[in-house]
Amino acid sequence: MADTKKIADKAERKKLKRMARKKAAPKAKRTTPRGAHKHKVKKMARGQTKR
């Protein structure tokens, strides 16, 4: 991504970012599912509330 911190004009900055995104090499396909590193959470007990 192009460094656009010094450009104050929002439209100009957006244009530069889009151009940089088009020029960048495409990302490789995922090898693992998206949520693979998320912590798995056990399901809570159904029915009565725990309070």
Protein backbone atom coordinates (compact mmCIF):
# COMPACT_ATOMS: atom_id res chain seq x y z
CA MET A 1 0.00 0.00 0.00
CA ALA A 2 1.27 3.47 -0.85
CA ASP A 3 2.21 5.79 2.03
CA THR A 4 -0.50 8.45 1.94
CA LYS A 5 -0.09 10.05 5.38
CA LYS A 6 1.27 13.32 4.01
CA ILE A 7 -1.63 13.87 1.57
CA ALA A 8 -4.36 15.96 3.16
CA ASP A 9 -6.95 15.80 0.37
CA LYS A 10 -9.22 12.80 0.98
CA ALA A 11 -10.18 12.25 -2.67
CA GLU A 12 -6.56 12.37 -3.81
CA ARG A 13 -5.51 9.94 -1.08
CA LYS A 14 -8.30 7.55 -2.05
CA LYS A 15 -7.27 7.68 -5.70
CA LEU A 16 -3.64 6.85 -4.85
CA LYS A 17 -4.67 3.96 -2.59
CA ARG A 18 -6.90 2.47 -5.27
CA MET A 19 -4.12 2.69 -7.85
CA ALA A 20 -1.71 0.98 -5.44
CA ARG A 21 -4.26 -1.76 -4.75
CA LYS A 22 -4.70 -2.43 -8.47
CA LYS A 23 -0.93 -2.64 -9.02
CA ALA A 24 -0.32 -4.98 -6.06
CA ALA A 25 0.06 -8.69 -6.71
CA PRO A 26 -3.06 -10.73 -5.95
CA LYS A 27 -3.13 -12.46 -2.59
CA ALA A 28 -2.77 -16.23 -2.49
CA LYS A 29 -5.77 -18.39 -1.67
CA ARG A 30 -6.20 -19.35 1.97
CA THR A 31 -4.70 -22.63 3.07
CA THR A 32 -6.62 -22.78 6.37
CA PRO A 33 -10.16 -21.68 7.17
CA ARG A 34 -10.57 -18.05 8.27
CA GLY A 35 -11.37 -18.74 11.92
CA ALA A 36 -8.76 -21.44 12.43
CA HIS A 37 -6.81 -19.54 15.11
CA LYS A 38 -9.85 -18.41 17.07
CA HIS A 39 -10.31 -19.81 20.54
CA LYS A 40 -13.11 -22.32 20.51
CA VAL A 41 -15.79 -21.56 23.11
CA LYS A 42 -17.87 -24.27 24.69
CA LYS A 43 -21.63 -23.78 24.40
CA MET A 44 -23.23 -22.58 27.60
CA ALA A 45 -25.91 -24.62 29.32
CA ARG A 46 -29.31 -24.08 27.80
CA GLY A 47 -32.44 -23.55 29.85
CA GLN A 48 -32.24 -21.86 33.22
CA THR A 49 -30.08 -18.80 33.53
CA LYS A 50 -26.90 -19.13 35.55
CA ARG A 51 -27.66 -16.22 37.87
